[in-house]
Amino acid sequence: MGDSITFSGVFEGKPYEDKGEILINDPPRRLAFSHFSPLAGAADEPANYHTVTFDLMPAGDATEVTLTQANLLGGVKPSDVRNRGAFETNWRSLLEKLDAAATRARAA
């Protein structure tokens, strides 16, 4: 724990590199990390980081994945409420890609 984590790519035509730190690494049950995205236009300070948590639970032949995002320092900021739809869209896309990768791996 404490290791850095980065995400990079292109979002709406803009390159990005998000960053954070591993907070919990408990395979195969839970992964949590802090997350900051400069694309949000906010200062790189703790109040502008989120905690993202992936919880995994066996579900028959599959695995149920629950993703939660919360403000790192607690509370809800107005920008979090305004951007909730975008957060949900982005994380849904990530989960769909994760599902596709897992399905390909099972088939191989």
PDB file of N, CA and C in Angstrom:
ATOM      1  N   MET A   1       0.843  -1.167   0.000  1.00  0.00           N
ATOM      2  CA  MET A   1       0.000   0.000   0.000  1.00  0.00           C
ATOM      3  C   MET A   1       0.891   1.234   0.000  1.00  0.00           C
ATOM      4  N   GLY A   2       0.325   2.304  -0.470  1.00  0.00           N
ATOM      5  CA  GLY A   2       1.101   3.522  -0.583  1.00  0.00           C
ATOM      6  C   GLY A   2       1.760   3.677  -1.940  1.00  0.00           C
ATOM      7  N   ASP A   3       1.698   2.630  -2.775  1.00  0.00           N
ATOM      8  CA  ASP A   3       2.270   2.732  -4.116  1.00  0.00           C
ATOM      9  C   ASP A   3       1.422   3.660  -4.972  1.00  0.00           C
ATOM     10  N   SER A   4       2.061   4.332  -5.911  1.00  0.00           N
ATOM     11  CA  SER A   4       1.324   5.235  -6.792  1.00  0.00           C
ATOM     12  C   SER A   4       0.606   4.439  -7.885  1.00  0.00           C
ATOM     13  N   ILE A   5      -0.444   5.067  -8.412  1.00  0.00           N
ATOM     14  CA  ILE A   5      -1.211   4.481  -9.503  1.00  0.00           C
ATOM     15  C   ILE A   5      -1.525   5.611 -10.476  1.00  0.00           C
ATOM     16  N   THR A   6      -1.451   5.323 -11.772  1.00  0.00           N
ATOM     17  CA  THR A   6      -1.775   6.340 -12.781  1.00  0.00           C
ATOM     18  C   THR A   6      -2.721   5.746 -13.814  1.00  0.00           C
ATOM     19  N   PHE A   7      -3.520   6.614 -14.383  1.00  0.00           N
ATOM     20  CA  PHE A   7      -4.429   6.276 -15.472  1.00  0.00           C
ATOM     21  C   PHE A   7      -4.186   7.316 -16.551  1.00  0.00           C
ATOM     22  N   SER A   8      -4.012   6.872 -17.779  1.00  0.00           N
ATOM     23  CA  SER A   8      -3.799   7.846 -18.849  1.00  0.00           C
ATOM     24  C   SER A   8      -4.584   7.423 -20.074  1.00  0.00           C
ATOM     25  N   GLY A   9      -4.857   8.405 -20.907  1.00  0.00           N
ATOM     26  CA  GLY A   9      -5.591   8.152 -22.138  1.00  0.00           C
ATOM     27  C   GLY A   9      -6.047   9.464 -22.740  1.00  0.00           C
ATOM     28  N   VAL A  10      -7.126   9.381 -23.510  1.00  0.00           N
ATOM     29  CA  VAL A  10      -7.708  10.562 -24.135  1.00  0.00           C
ATOM     30  C   VAL A  10      -9.181  10.576 -23.764  1.00  0.00           C
ATOM     31  N   PHE A  11      -9.657  11.704 -23.243  1.00  0.00           N
ATOM     32  CA  PHE A  11     -11.053  11.858 -22.863  1.00  0.00           C
ATOM     33  C   PHE A  11     -11.593  13.084 -23.574  1.00  0.00           C
ATOM     34  N   GLU A  12     -12.631  12.870 -24.368  1.00  0.00           N
ATOM     35  CA  GLU A  12     -13.243  13.943 -25.141  1.00  0.00           C
ATOM     36  C   GLU A  12     -12.194  14.746 -25.902  1.00  0.00           C
ATOM     37  N   GLY A  13     -11.257  14.017 -26.513  1.00  0.00           N
ATOM     38  CA  GLY A  13     -10.229  14.635 -27.339  1.00  0.00           C
ATOM     39  C   GLY A  13      -9.064  15.235 -26.583  1.00  0.00           C
ATOM     40  N   LYS A  14      -9.060  15.153 -25.263  1.00  0.00           N
ATOM     41  CA  LYS A  14      -7.988  15.734 -24.459  1.00  0.00           C
ATOM     42  C   LYS A  14      -7.183  14.616 -23.796  1.00  0.00           C
ATOM     43  N   PRO A  15      -5.858  14.631 -23.954  1.00  0.00           N
ATOM     44  CA  PRO A  15      -5.058  13.647 -23.231  1.00  0.00           C
ATOM     45  C   PRO A  15      -5.109  13.934 -21.727  1.00  0.00           C
ATOM     46  N   TYR A  16      -5.038  12.875 -20.943  1.00  0.00           N
ATOM     47  CA  TYR A  16      -5.054  13.051 -19.491  1.00  0.00           C
ATOM     48  C   TYR A  16      -4.128  12.050 -18.832  1.00  0.00           C
ATOM     49  N   GLU A  17      -3.731  12.371 -17.629  1.00  0.00           N
ATOM     50  CA  GLU A  17      -3.036  11.429 -16.766  1.00  0.00           C
ATOM     51  C   GLU A  17      -3.527  11.687 -15.351  1.00  0.00           C
ATOM     52  N   ASP A  18      -4.378  10.802 -14.875  1.00  0.00           N
ATOM     53  CA  ASP A  18      -4.889  10.863 -13.514  1.00  0.00           C
ATOM     54  C   ASP A  18      -3.904  10.138 -12.606  1.00  0.00           C
ATOM     55  N   LYS A  19      -3.973  10.432 -11.321  1.00  0.00           N
ATOM     56  CA  LYS A  19      -3.038   9.792 -10.401  1.00  0.00           C
ATOM     57  C   LYS A  19      -3.694   9.510  -9.064  1.00  0.00           C
ATOM     58  N   GLY A  20      -3.006   8.733  -8.276  1.00  0.00           N
ATOM     59  CA  GLY A  20      -3.476   8.421  -6.942  1.00  0.00           C
ATOM     60  C   GLY A  20      -2.493   7.514  -6.239  1.00  0.00           C
ATOM     61  N   GLU A  21      -2.974   6.934  -5.143  1.00  0.00           N
ATOM     62  CA  GLU A  21      -2.148   6.063  -4.323  1.00  0.00           C
ATOM     63  C   GLU A  21      -2.992   4.880  -3.870  1.00  0.00           C
ATOM     64  N   ILE A  22      -2.399   3.690  -3.877  1.00  0.00           N
ATOM     65  CA  ILE A  22      -3.090   2.499  -3.403  1.00  0.00           C
ATOM     66  C   ILE A  22      -3.331   2.639  -1.893  1.00  0.00           C
ATOM     67  N   LEU A  23      -4.587   2.499  -1.490  1.00  0.00           N
ATOM     68  CA  LEU A  23      -4.956   2.604  -0.078  1.00  0.00           C
ATOM     69  C   LEU A  23      -5.200   1.236   0.550  1.00  0.00           C
ATOM     70  N   ILE A  24      -5.856   0.346  -0.199  1.00  0.00           N
ATOM     71  CA  ILE A  24      -6.130  -1.025   0.258  1.00  0.00           C
ATOM     72  C   ILE A  24      -5.880  -1.959  -0.917  1.00  0.00           C
ATOM     73  N   ASN A  25      -5.110  -3.001  -0.667  1.00  0.00           N
ATOM     74  CA  ASN A  25      -4.894  -4.043  -1.673  1.00  0.00           C
ATOM     75  C   ASN A  25      -5.093  -5.375  -0.966  1.00  0.00           C
ATOM     76  N   ASP A  26      -6.291  -5.907  -1.083  1.00  0.00           N
ATOM     77  CA  ASP A  26      -6.675  -7.129  -0.385  1.00  0.00           C
ATOM     78  C   ASP A  26      -7.226  -8.131  -1.399  1.00  0.00           C
ATOM     79  N   PRO A  27      -6.330  -8.686  -2.268  1.00  0.00           N
ATOM     80  CA  PRO A  27      -6.815  -9.633  -3.269  1.00  0.00           C
ATOM     81  C   PRO A  27      -7.374 -10.873  -2.592  1.00  0.00           C
ATOM     82  N   PRO A  28      -8.368 -11.478  -3.082  1.00  0.00           N
ATOM     83  CA  PRO A  28      -9.153 -11.082  -4.260  1.00  0.00           C
ATOM     84  C   PRO A  28     -10.426 -10.331  -3.890  1.00  0.00           C
ATOM     85  N   ARG A  29     -10.443  -9.653  -2.741  1.00  0.00           N
ATOM     86  CA  ARG A  29     -11.692  -9.049  -2.273  1.00  0.00           C
ATOM     87  C   ARG A  29     -11.823  -7.552  -2.515  1.00  0.00           C
ATOM     88  N   ARG A  30     -10.756  -6.784  -2.327  1.00  0.00           N
ATOM     89  CA  ARG A  30     -10.914  -5.327  -2.350  1.00  0.00           C
ATOM     90  C   ARG A  30      -9.654  -4.622  -2.848  1.00  0.00           C
ATOM     91  N   LEU A  31      -9.888  -3.589  -3.643  1.00  0.00           N
ATOM     92  CA  LEU A  31      -8.837  -2.672  -4.064  1.00  0.00           C
ATOM     93  C   LEU A  31      -9.392  -1.270  -3.882  1.00  0.00           C
ATOM     94  N   ALA A  32      -8.652  -0.420  -3.183  1.00  0.00           N
ATOM     95  CA  ALA A  32      -9.070   0.971  -3.005  1.00  0.00           C
ATOM     96  C   ALA A  32      -7.867   1.871  -3.274  1.00  0.00           C
ATOM     97  N   PHE A  33      -8.130   2.990  -3.903  1.00  0.00           N
ATOM     98  CA  PHE A  33      -7.058   3.940  -4.188  1.00  0.00           C
ATOM     99  C   PHE A  33      -7.610   5.354  -4.185  1.00  0.00           C
ATOM    100  N   SER A  34      -6.716   6.303  -3.916  1.00  0.00           N
ATOM    101  CA  SER A  34      -7.100   7.698  -4.057  1.00  0.00           C
ATOM    102  C   SER A  34      -7.020   8.032  -5.550  1.00  0.00           C
ATOM    103  N   HIS A  35      -7.777   9.066  -5.957  1.00  0.00           N
ATOM    104  CA  HIS A  35      -7.853   9.402  -7.386  1.00  0.00           C
ATOM    105  C   HIS A  35      -7.971  10.911  -7.556  1.00  0.00           C
ATOM    106  N   PHE A  36      -7.095  11.464  -8.391  1.00  0.00           N
ATOM    107  CA  PHE A  36      -7.142  12.881  -8.738  1.00  0.00           C
ATOM    108  C   PHE A  36      -7.040  13.000 -10.251  1.00  0.00           C
ATOM    109  N   SER A  37      -7.892  13.843 -10.822  1.00  0.00           N
ATOM    110  CA  SER A  37      -7.851  14.093 -12.258  1.00  0.00           C
ATOM    111  C   SER A  37      -7.668  15.583 -12.516  1.00  0.00           C
ATOM    112  N   PRO A  38      -6.543  15.972 -13.137  1.00  0.00           N
ATOM    113  CA  PRO A  38      -6.340  17.374 -13.486  1.00  0.00           C
ATOM    114  C   PRO A  38      -7.406  17.898 -14.448  1.00  0.00           C
ATOM    115  N   LEU A  39      -8.072  16.995 -15.189  1.00  0.00           N
ATOM    116  CA  LEU A  39      -9.121  17.434 -16.115  1.00  0.00           C
ATOM    117  C   LEU A  39     -10.266  18.144 -15.403  1.00  0.00           C
ATOM    118  N   ALA A  40     -10.420  17.887 -14.108  1.00  0.00           N
ATOM    119  CA  ALA A  40     -11.489  18.534 -13.347  1.00  0.00           C
ATOM    120  C   ALA A  40     -11.216  20.026 -13.160  1.00  0.00           C
ATOM    121  N   GLY A  41      -9.969  20.443 -13.403  1.00  0.00           N
ATOM    122  CA  GLY A  41      -9.626  21.850 -13.279  1.00  0.00           C
ATOM    123  C   GLY A  41      -9.391  22.309 -11.851  1.00  0.00           C
ATOM    124  N   ALA A  42      -9.343  21.388 -10.921  1.00  0.00           N
ATOM    125  CA  ALA A  42      -9.142  21.729  -9.512  1.00  0.00           C
ATOM    126  C   ALA A  42      -7.666  21.617  -9.150  1.00  0.00           C
ATOM    127  N   ALA A  43      -7.307  22.250  -8.050  1.00  0.00           N
ATOM    128  CA  ALA A  43      -5.931  22.190  -7.556  1.00  0.00           C
ATOM    129  C   ALA A  43      -5.604  20.775  -7.077  1.00  0.00           C
ATOM    130  N   ASP A  44      -4.339  20.398  -7.213  1.00  0.00           N
ATOM    131  CA  ASP A  44      -3.863  19.094  -6.762  1.00  0.00           C
ATOM    132  C   ASP A  44      -3.637  19.159  -5.247  1.00  0.00           C
ATOM    133  N   GLU A  45      -4.727  18.981  -4.505  1.00  0.00           N
ATOM    134  CA  GLU A  45      -4.672  18.991  -3.045  1.00  0.00           C
ATOM    135  C   GLU A  45      -5.654  17.954  -2.522  1.00  0.00           C
ATOM    136  N   PRO A  46      -5.450  17.463  -1.293  1.00  0.00           N
ATOM    137  CA  PRO A  46      -6.265  16.355  -0.775  1.00  0.00           C
ATOM    138  C   PRO A  46      -7.774  16.560  -0.895  1.00  0.00           C
ATOM    139  N   ALA A  47      -8.260  17.770  -0.746  1.00  0.00           N
ATOM    140  CA  ALA A  47      -9.707  18.005  -0.816  1.00  0.00           C
ATOM    141  C   ALA A  47     -10.276  17.679  -2.191  1.00  0.00           C
ATOM    142  N   ASN A  48      -9.422  17.588  -3.203  1.00  0.00           N
ATOM    143  CA  ASN A  48      -9.883  17.332  -4.567  1.00  0.00           C
ATOM    144  C   ASN A  48      -9.624  15.902  -5.034  1.00  0.00           C
ATOM    145  N   TYR A  49      -9.272  15.043  -4.088  1.00  0.00           N
ATOM    146  CA  TYR A  49      -9.077  13.623  -4.389  1.00  0.00           C
ATOM    147  C   TYR A  49     -10.326  12.850  -3.984  1.00  0.00           C
ATOM    148  N   HIS A  50     -10.542  11.747  -4.664  1.00  0.00           N
ATOM    149  CA  HIS A  50     -11.610  10.812  -4.315  1.00  0.00           C
ATOM    150  C   HIS A  50     -10.977   9.506  -3.869  1.00  0.00           C
ATOM    151  N   THR A  51     -11.748   8.717  -3.161  1.00  0.00           N
ATOM    152  CA  THR A  51     -11.383   7.335  -2.892  1.00  0.00           C
ATOM    153  C   THR A  51     -12.255   6.462  -3.782  1.00  0.00           C
ATOM    154  N   VAL A  52     -11.623   5.603  -4.568  1.00  0.00           N
ATOM    155  CA  VAL A  52     -12.328   4.671  -5.440  1.00  0.00           C
ATOM    156  C   VAL A  52     -12.080   3.272  -4.881  1.00  0.00           C
ATOM    157  N   THR A  53     -13.165   2.524  -4.673  1.00  0.00           N
ATOM    158  CA  THR A  53     -13.062   1.185  -4.095  1.00  0.00           C
ATOM    159  C   THR A  53     -13.756   0.175  -4.986  1.00  0.00           C
ATOM    160  N   PHE A  54     -13.052  -0.900  -5.280  1.00  0.00           N
ATOM    161  CA  PHE A  54     -13.612  -2.042  -5.995  1.00  0.00           C
ATOM    162  C   PHE A  54     -13.750  -3.174  -4.982  1.00  0.00           C
ATOM    163  N   ASP A  55     -14.975  -3.641  -4.759  1.00  0.00           N
ATOM    164  CA  ASP A  55     -15.220  -4.806  -3.916  1.00  0.00           C
ATOM    165  C   ASP A  55     -15.652  -5.946  -4.821  1.00  0.00           C
ATOM    166  N   LEU A  56     -15.050  -7.125  -4.624  1.00  0.00           N
ATOM    167  CA  LEU A  56     -15.350  -8.292  -5.442  1.00  0.00           C
ATOM    168  C   LEU A  56     -15.962  -9.378  -4.570  1.00  0.00           C
ATOM    169  N   MET A  57     -17.037  -9.984  -5.095  1.00  0.00           N
ATOM    170  CA  MET A  57     -17.750 -11.032  -4.366  1.00  0.00           C
ATOM    171  C   MET A  57     -18.071 -12.166  -5.340  1.00  0.00           C
ATOM    172  N   PRO A  58     -17.692 -13.411  -4.999  1.00  0.00           N
ATOM    173  CA  PRO A  58     -18.053 -14.524  -5.866  1.00  0.00           C
ATOM    174  C   PRO A  58     -19.567 -14.588  -6.051  1.00  0.00           C
ATOM    175  N   ALA A  59     -19.983 -14.884  -7.277  1.00  0.00           N
ATOM    176  CA  ALA A  59     -21.408 -15.012  -7.607  1.00  0.00           C
ATOM    177  C   ALA A  59     -21.553 -16.166  -8.594  1.00  0.00           C
ATOM    178  N   GLY A  60     -21.542 -17.384  -8.064  1.00  0.00           N
ATOM    179  CA  GLY A  60     -21.606 -18.555  -8.933  1.00  0.00           C
ATOM    180  C   GLY A  60     -20.333 -18.659  -9.749  1.00  0.00           C
ATOM    181  N   ASP A  61     -20.496 -18.749 -11.095  1.00  0.00           N
ATOM    182  CA  ASP A  61     -19.339 -18.830 -11.988  1.00  0.00           C
ATOM    183  C   ASP A  61     -18.781 -17.451 -12.333  1.00  0.00           C
ATOM    184  N   ALA A  62     -19.324 -16.419 -11.752  1.00  0.00           N
ATOM    185  CA  ALA A  62     -18.916 -15.051 -12.065  1.00  0.00           C
ATOM    186  C   ALA A  62     -18.436 -14.357 -10.792  1.00  0.00           C
ATOM    187  N   THR A  63     -18.061 -13.123 -10.954  1.00  0.00           N
ATOM    188  CA  THR A  63     -17.670 -12.290  -9.827  1.00  0.00           C
ATOM    189  C   THR A  63     -18.463 -10.995  -9.902  1.00  0.00           C
ATOM    190  N   GLU A  64     -19.115 -10.642  -8.821  1.00  0.00           N
ATOM    191  CA  GLU A  64     -19.839  -9.384  -8.762  1.00  0.00           C
ATOM    192  C   GLU A  64     -18.855  -8.295  -8.322  1.00  0.00           C
ATOM    193  N   VAL A  65     -18.802  -7.210  -9.095  1.00  0.00           N
ATOM    194  CA  VAL A  65     -17.909  -6.098  -8.794  1.00  0.00           C
ATOM    195  C   VAL A  65     -18.756  -4.896  -8.390  1.00  0.00           C
ATOM    196  N   THR A  66     -18.461  -4.332  -7.236  1.00  0.00           N
ATOM    197  CA  THR A  66     -19.129  -3.113  -6.781  1.00  0.00           C
ATOM    198  C   THR A  66     -18.082  -2.017  -6.711  1.00  0.00           C
ATOM    199  N   LEU A  67     -18.347  -0.915  -7.385  1.00  0.00           N
ATOM    200  CA  LEU A  67     -17.433   0.210  -7.393  1.00  0.00           C
ATOM    201  C   LEU A  67     -18.075   1.373  -6.657  1.00  0.00           C
ATOM    202  N   THR A  68     -17.335   1.966  -5.733  1.00  0.00           N
ATOM    203  CA  THR A  68     -17.834   3.154  -5.041  1.00  0.00           C
ATOM    204  C   THR A  68     -16.785   4.257  -5.158  1.00  0.00           C
ATOM    205  N   GLN A  69     -17.283   5.484  -5.184  1.00  0.00           N
ATOM    206  CA  GLN A  69     -16.404   6.646  -5.214  1.00  0.00           C
ATOM    207  C   GLN A  69     -16.887   7.613  -4.141  1.00  0.00           C
ATOM    208  N   ALA A  70     -15.965   8.084  -3.331  1.00  0.00           N
ATOM    209  CA  ALA A  70     -16.300   9.022  -2.263  1.00  0.00           C
ATOM    210  C   ALA A  70     -15.213  10.080  -2.174  1.00  0.00           C
ATOM    211  N   ASN A  71     -15.528  11.211  -1.590  1.00  0.00           N
ATOM    212  CA  ASN A  71     -14.538  12.248  -1.382  1.00  0.00           C
ATOM    213  C   ASN A  71     -13.531  11.749  -0.361  1.00  0.00           C
ATOM    214  N   LEU A  72     -12.259  11.944  -0.642  1.00  0.00           N
ATOM    215  CA  LEU A  72     -11.196  11.441   0.229  1.00  0.00           C
ATOM    216  C   LEU A  72     -11.313  11.975   1.653  1.00  0.00           C
ATOM    217  N   LEU A  73     -11.730  13.227   1.801  1.00  0.00           N
ATOM    218  CA  LEU A  73     -11.802  13.832   3.127  1.00  0.00           C
ATOM    219  C   LEU A  73     -13.197  13.788   3.733  1.00  0.00           C
ATOM    220  N   GLY A  74     -14.110  13.065   3.093  1.00  0.00           N
ATOM    221  CA  GLY A  74     -15.471  12.978   3.592  1.00  0.00           C
ATOM    222  C   GLY A  74     -16.329  14.124   3.071  1.00  0.00           C
ATOM    223  N   GLY A  75     -17.617  14.017   3.295  1.00  0.00           N
ATOM    224  CA  GLY A  75     -18.529  15.058   2.834  1.00  0.00           C
ATOM    225  C   GLY A  75     -18.776  14.982   1.336  1.00  0.00           C
ATOM    226  N   VAL A  76     -19.663  15.831   0.872  1.00  0.00           N
ATOM    227  CA  VAL A  76     -19.991  15.884  -0.544  1.00  0.00           C
ATOM    228  C   VAL A  76     -19.790  17.316  -1.019  1.00  0.00           C
ATOM    229  N   LYS A  77     -18.952  17.472  -2.033  1.00  0.00           N
ATOM    230  CA  LYS A  77     -18.716  18.800  -2.595  1.00  0.00           C
ATOM    231  C   LYS A  77     -19.739  19.073  -3.694  1.00  0.00           C
ATOM    232  N   PRO A  78     -20.109  20.333  -3.914  1.00  0.00           N
ATOM    233  CA  PRO A  78     -21.036  20.657  -5.007  1.00  0.00           C
ATOM    234  C   PRO A  78     -20.554  20.162  -6.366  1.00  0.00           C
ATOM    235  N   SER A  79     -19.233  20.195  -6.594  1.00  0.00           N
ATOM    236  CA  SER A  79     -18.717  19.717  -7.881  1.00  0.00           C
ATOM    237  C   SER A  79     -18.939  18.216  -8.046  1.00  0.00           C
ATOM    238  N   ASP A  80     -18.933  17.459  -6.933  1.00  0.00           N
ATOM    239  CA  ASP A  80     -19.205  16.027  -7.011  1.00  0.00           C
ATOM    240  C   ASP A  80     -20.647  15.787  -7.462  1.00  0.00           C
ATOM    241  N   VAL A  81     -21.554  16.579  -6.943  1.00  0.00           N
ATOM    242  CA  VAL A  81     -22.965  16.444  -7.318  1.00  0.00           C
ATOM    243  C   VAL A  81     -23.139  16.807  -8.793  1.00  0.00           C
ATOM    244  N   ARG A  82     -22.533  17.917  -9.222  1.00  0.00           N
ATOM    245  CA  ARG A  82     -22.635  18.346 -10.629  1.00  0.00           C
ATOM    246  C   ARG A  82     -22.058  17.310 -11.586  1.00  0.00           C
ATOM    247  N   ASN A  83     -20.988  16.656 -11.172  1.00  0.00           N
ATOM    248  CA  ASN A  83     -20.273  15.740 -12.069  1.00  0.00           C
ATOM    249  C   ASN A  83     -20.662  14.281 -11.884  1.00  0.00           C
ATOM    250  N   ARG A  84     -21.665  14.012 -11.043  1.00  0.00           N
ATOM    251  CA  ARG A  84     -22.020  12.622 -10.754  1.00  0.00           C
ATOM    252  C   ARG A  84     -22.335  11.829 -12.022  1.00  0.00           C
ATOM    253  N   GLY A  85     -23.097  12.397 -12.932  1.00  0.00           N
ATOM    254  CA  GLY A  85     -23.437  11.690 -14.164  1.00  0.00           C
ATOM    255  C   GLY A  85     -22.206  11.326 -14.967  1.00  0.00           C
ATOM    256  N   ALA A  86     -21.249  12.244 -15.059  1.00  0.00           N
ATOM    257  CA  ALA A  86     -20.009  11.961 -15.792  1.00  0.00           C
ATOM    258  C   ALA A  86     -19.207  10.876 -15.088  1.00  0.00           C
ATOM    259  N   PHE A  87     -19.142  10.952 -13.752  1.00  0.00           N
ATOM    260  CA  PHE A  87     -18.432   9.902 -13.004  1.00  0.00           C
ATOM    261  C   PHE A  87     -19.066   8.544 -13.289  1.00  0.00           C
ATOM    262  N   GLU A  88     -20.388   8.468 -13.206  1.00  0.00           N
ATOM    263  CA  GLU A  88     -21.083   7.201 -13.430  1.00  0.00           C
ATOM    264  C   GLU A  88     -20.839   6.676 -14.834  1.00  0.00           C
ATOM    265  N   THR A  89     -20.882   7.555 -15.829  1.00  0.00           N
ATOM    266  CA  THR A  89     -20.637   7.144 -17.214  1.00  0.00           C
ATOM    267  C   THR A  89     -19.219   6.599 -17.368  1.00  0.00           C
ATOM    268  N   ASN A  90     -18.254   7.300 -16.821  1.00  0.00           N
ATOM    269  CA  ASN A  90     -16.856   6.872 -16.947  1.00  0.00           C
ATOM    270  C   ASN A  90     -16.603   5.542 -16.248  1.00  0.00           C
ATOM    271  N   TRP A  91     -17.101   5.405 -15.018  1.00  0.00           N
ATOM    272  CA  TRP A  91     -16.872   4.157 -14.292  1.00  0.00           C
ATOM    273  C   TRP A  91     -17.645   2.997 -14.928  1.00  0.00           C
ATOM    274  N   ARG A  92     -18.844   3.262 -15.456  1.00  0.00           N
ATOM    275  CA  ARG A  92     -19.597   2.203 -16.148  1.00  0.00           C
ATOM    276  C   ARG A  92     -18.798   1.708 -17.355  1.00  0.00           C
ATOM    277  N   SER A  93     -18.215   2.630 -18.100  1.00  0.00           N
ATOM    278  CA  SER A  93     -17.391   2.251 -19.249  1.00  0.00           C
ATOM    279  C   SER A  93     -16.210   1.391 -18.800  1.00  0.00           C
ATOM    280  N   LEU A  94     -15.555   1.786 -17.718  1.00  0.00           N
ATOM    281  CA  LEU A  94     -14.441   1.004 -17.206  1.00  0.00           C
ATOM    282  C   LEU A  94     -14.892  -0.395 -16.809  1.00  0.00           C
ATOM    283  N   LEU A  95     -16.024  -0.501 -16.109  1.00  0.00           N
ATOM    284  CA  LEU A  95     -16.518  -1.811 -15.682  1.00  0.00           C
ATOM    285  C   LEU A  95     -16.893  -2.688 -16.877  1.00  0.00           C
ATOM    286  N   GLU A  96     -17.446  -2.088 -17.923  1.00  0.00           N
ATOM    287  CA  GLU A  96     -17.764  -2.857 -19.133  1.00  0.00           C
ATOM    288  C   GLU A  96     -16.491  -3.388 -19.786  1.00  0.00           C
ATOM    289  N   LYS A  97     -15.443  -2.583 -19.815  1.00  0.00           N
ATOM    290  CA  LYS A  97     -14.158  -3.035 -20.375  1.00  0.00           C
ATOM    291  C   LYS A  97     -13.542  -4.122 -19.511  1.00  0.00           C
ATOM    292  N   LEU A  98     -13.674  -3.992 -18.203  1.00  0.00           N
ATOM    293  CA  LEU A  98     -13.188  -5.024 -17.296  1.00  0.00           C
ATOM    294  C   LEU A  98     -13.919  -6.339 -17.530  1.00  0.00           C
ATOM    295  N   ASP A  99     -15.241  -6.268 -17.696  1.00  0.00           N
ATOM    296  CA  ASP A  99     -16.044  -7.455 -17.962  1.00  0.00           C
ATOM    297  C   ASP A  99     -15.625  -8.105 -19.280  1.00  0.00           C
ATOM    298  N   ALA A 100     -15.412  -7.296 -20.308  1.00  0.00           N
ATOM    299  CA  ALA A 100     -15.006  -7.843 -21.611  1.00  0.00           C
ATOM    300  C   ALA A 100     -13.642  -8.521 -21.514  1.00  0.00           C
ATOM    301  N   ALA A 101     -12.706  -7.905 -20.786  1.00  0.00           N
ATOM    302  CA  ALA A 101     -11.377  -8.503 -20.626  1.00  0.00           C
ATOM    303  C   ALA A 101     -11.454  -9.818 -19.849  1.00  0.00           C
ATOM    304  N   ALA A 102     -12.266  -9.859 -18.805  1.00  0.00           N
ATOM    305  CA  ALA A 102     -12.420 -11.085 -18.020  1.00  0.00           C
ATOM    306  C   ALA A 102     -13.074 -12.183 -18.856  1.00  0.00           C
ATOM    307  N   THR A 103     -14.037 -11.820 -19.666  1.00  0.00           N
ATOM    308  CA  THR A 103     -14.704 -12.795 -20.534  1.00  0.00           C
ATOM    309  C   THR A 103     -13.721 -13.364 -21.547  1.00  0.00           C
ATOM    310  N   ARG A 104     -12.898 -12.502 -22.135  1.00  0.00           N
ATOM    311  CA  ARG A 104     -11.870 -12.984 -23.085  1.00  0.00           C
ATOM    312  C   ARG A 104     -10.878 -13.915 -22.400  1.00  0.00           C
ATOM    313  N   ALA A 105     -10.485 -13.561 -21.178  1.00  0.00           N
ATOM    314  CA  ALA A 105      -9.514 -14.382 -20.441  1.00  0.00           C
ATOM    315  C   ALA A 105     -10.096 -15.754 -20.110  1.00  0.00           C
ATOM    316  N   ARG A 106     -11.368 -15.793 -19.746  1.00  0.00           N
ATOM    317  CA  ARG A 106     -12.025 -17.084 -19.455  1.00  0.00           C
ATOM    318  C   ARG A 106     -12.102 -17.947 -20.700  1.00  0.00           C
ATOM    319  N   ALA A 107     -12.301 -17.336 -21.864  1.00  0.00           N
ATOM    320  CA  ALA A 107     -12.469 -18.073 -23.111  1.00  0.00           C
ATOM    321  C   ALA A 107     -11.134 -18.607 -23.631  1.00  0.00           C
ATOM    322  N   ALA A 108     -10.033 -17.986 -23.211  1.00  0.00           N
ATOM    323  CA  ALA A 108      -8.705 -18.379 -23.731  1.00  0.00           C
ATOM    324  C   ALA A 108      -8.195 -19.657 -23.093  1.00  0.00           C
TER     325      ALA A 108
END
